[in-house]
């Protein structure tokens, strides 16, 4: 399992979310099986991103598994829970919104995520992947 963060996050939510649910990948190849919602609500995530007045609006990335790694649905749910405990300790999904979309079209399982840079209860800035060398260790 590898967690990677993408260098995106300044635009409108539609481009990121539409890509996650697109019938085609970035090379134009048909996704088979198609992408599926794993966790979250795309509409709520979109509103939180698009109403954020700051330049950097969201964090996106992927939790990718090797071809031979075949986690069960229950294991994937536990991984998402552990993800929250690691990147948003003490906050949980009621305070940090997220969207996870499952891709399997490349022969492995990938959980792509989009997380608005907002702590929902206060609407203050919150970044699970702050810039700088110390967050990259």
Protein backbone atom coordinates (compact mmCIF):
# COMPACT_ATOMS: atom_id res chain seq x y z
CA UNK A 1 0.00 0.00 0.00
CA UNK A 2 1.24 3.45 -0.95
CA UNK A 3 -0.34 6.80 -0.14
CA UNK A 4 0.43 9.60 -2.61
CA UNK A 5 -0.71 13.19 -2.58
CA UNK A 6 -1.28 15.03 -5.85
CA UNK A 7 -0.15 18.54 -6.66
CA UNK A 8 -3.65 19.93 -7.25
CA UNK A 9 -6.12 21.83 -5.15
CA UNK A 10 -6.66 25.35 -6.42
CA UNK A 11 -9.53 24.98 -8.85
CA UNK A 12 -13.20 24.20 -8.74
CA UNK A 13 -14.29 20.83 -7.39
CA UNK A 14 -15.94 19.72 -10.62
CA UNK A 15 -12.70 18.92 -12.45
CA UNK A 16 -11.35 16.69 -9.64
CA UNK A 17 -14.65 14.98 -8.88
CA UNK A 18 -15.60 14.51 -12.52
CA UNK A 19 -12.22 12.87 -13.15
CA UNK A 20 -12.74 10.45 -10.26
CA UNK A 21 -16.09 9.30 -11.62
CA UNK A 22 -15.19 9.54 -15.31
CA UNK A 23 -15.79 6.51 -17.53
CA UNK A 24 -12.28 7.06 -18.94
CA UNK A 25 -8.88 7.37 -17.29
CA UNK A 26 -6.36 10.18 -17.93
CA UNK A 27 -5.12 8.34 -21.06
CA UNK A 28 -8.65 8.12 -22.47
CA UNK A 29 -8.94 4.39 -21.81
CA UNK A 30 -12.29 3.03 -20.67
CA UNK A 31 -12.35 2.24 -16.95
CA UNK A 32 -13.46 -1.34 -16.55
CA UNK A 33 -14.80 -1.93 -14.01
CA UNK A 34 -16.14 1.61 -13.67
CA UNK A 35 -15.20 3.87 -10.77
CA UNK A 36 -17.44 3.55 -7.73
CA UNK A 37 -18.18 5.70 -4.72
CA UNK A 38 -16.51 4.13 -1.70
CA UNK A 39 -17.10 6.76 0.99
CA UNK A 40 -18.53 10.27 1.23
CA UNK A 41 -20.94 12.47 -0.64
CA UNK A 42 -19.68 14.15 -3.82
CA UNK A 43 -22.26 16.95 -3.58
CA UNK A 44 -21.24 17.97 -0.06
CA UNK A 45 -17.55 17.78 -0.94
CA UNK A 46 -18.16 19.94 -4.01
CA UNK A 47 -20.00 22.62 -2.01
CA UNK A 48 -17.27 22.78 0.64
CA UNK A 49 -14.55 23.15 -1.99
CA UNK A 50 -16.38 25.66 -4.15
CA UNK A 51 -17.39 27.90 -1.24
CA UNK A 52 -13.86 28.02 0.15
CA UNK A 53 -12.58 31.56 -0.55
CA UNK A 54 -8.90 30.59 -0.22
CA UNK A 55 -6.56 29.85 -3.11
CA UNK A 56 -5.84 26.28 -1.97
CA UNK A 57 -9.23 24.59 -1.65
CA UNK A 58 -8.65 20.83 -1.40
CA UNK A 59 -6.13 18.03 -1.07
CA UNK A 60 -6.28 15.02 -3.35
CA UNK A 61 -4.40 11.79 -3.64
CA UNK A 62 -4.61 8.03 -3.74
CA UNK A 63 -4.19 5.01 -1.53
CA UNK A 64 -2.89 2.44 -4.00
CA UNK A 65 -2.39 -1.29 -3.55
CA UNK A 66 -0.06 -3.58 -5.47
CA UNK A 67 -1.62 -5.97 -7.96
CA UNK A 68 -1.22 -8.92 -5.58
CA UNK A 69 -2.74 -7.01 -2.63
CA UNK A 70 -6.47 -7.73 -2.54
CA UNK A 71 -7.96 -6.06 0.56
CA UNK A 72 -11.56 -6.91 1.39
CA UNK A 73 -14.26 -4.24 1.69
CA UNK A 74 -13.99 -4.49 5.47
CA UNK A 75 -10.22 -4.01 5.31
CA UNK A 76 -10.66 -1.01 3.01
CA UNK A 77 -13.12 0.53 5.48
CA UNK A 78 -10.57 0.02 8.27
CA UNK A 79 -7.87 1.64 6.11
CA UNK A 80 -10.06 4.72 5.57
CA UNK A 81 -10.73 4.85 9.32
CA UNK A 82 -6.98 4.62 10.01
CA UNK A 83 -6.37 7.31 7.40
CA UNK A 84 -8.60 9.68 9.42
CA UNK A 85 -6.90 8.74 12.66
CA UNK A 86 -3.51 9.50 11.11
CA UNK A 87 -4.18 12.66 9.12
CA UNK A 88 -6.99 14.19 11.19
CA UNK A 89 -6.41 12.87 14.72
CA UNK A 90 -9.31 13.51 17.05
CA UNK A 91 -11.46 15.10 14.34
CA UNK A 92 -13.07 12.27 12.42
CA UNK A 93 -15.35 12.37 9.39
CA UNK A 94 -17.94 14.63 11.02
CA UNK A 95 -15.38 17.46 11.12
CA UNK A 96 -13.20 16.66 8.10
CA UNK A 97 -15.19 15.95 4.96
CA UNK A 98 -13.81 13.56 2.39
CA UNK A 99 -14.70 11.71 -0.74
CA UNK A 100 -13.16 8.32 -1.57
CA UNK A 101 -13.69 6.76 -5.00
CA UNK A 102 -12.56 3.22 -5.78
CA UNK A 103 -10.79 2.47 -9.07
CA UNK A 104 -9.90 -1.06 -10.18
CA UNK A 105 -9.36 -0.55 -13.90
CA UNK A 106 -5.57 -0.93 -13.82
CA UNK A 107 -5.68 -4.41 -12.25
CA UNK A 108 -5.18 -3.19 -8.71
CA UNK A 109 -7.32 -1.38 -6.15
CA UNK A 110 -6.94 2.38 -5.76
CA UNK A 111 -8.87 4.57 -3.34
CA UNK A 112 -8.69 8.09 -4.74
CA UNK A 113 -9.58 10.84 -2.28
CA UNK A 114 -10.53 14.51 -2.34
CA UNK A 115 -10.58 16.36 0.98
CA UNK A 116 -11.70 19.99 1.29
CA UNK A 117 -9.21 22.14 3.23
CA UNK A 118 -11.85 23.11 5.79
CA UNK A 119 -12.64 21.91 9.29
CA UNK A 120 -16.40 21.64 8.92
CA UNK A 121 -17.55 22.62 12.43
CA UNK A 122 -15.58 25.89 12.45
CA UNK A 123 -15.07 26.45 8.70
CA UNK A 124 -11.42 27.22 9.46
CA UNK A 125 -8.56 26.14 7.23
CA UNK A 126 -7.38 22.56 7.73
CA UNK A 127 -4.79 20.79 5.60
CA UNK A 128 -4.01 17.08 5.98
CA UNK A 129 -0.87 17.53 3.84
CA UNK A 130 0.81 20.80 4.79
CA UNK A 131 3.69 21.99 2.62
CA UNK A 132 7.29 21.66 3.73
CA UNK A 133 9.87 19.00 4.34
CA UNK A 134 8.58 18.03 7.80
CA UNK A 135 5.24 16.81 6.48
CA UNK A 136 7.00 14.62 3.91
CA UNK A 137 8.85 12.38 6.40
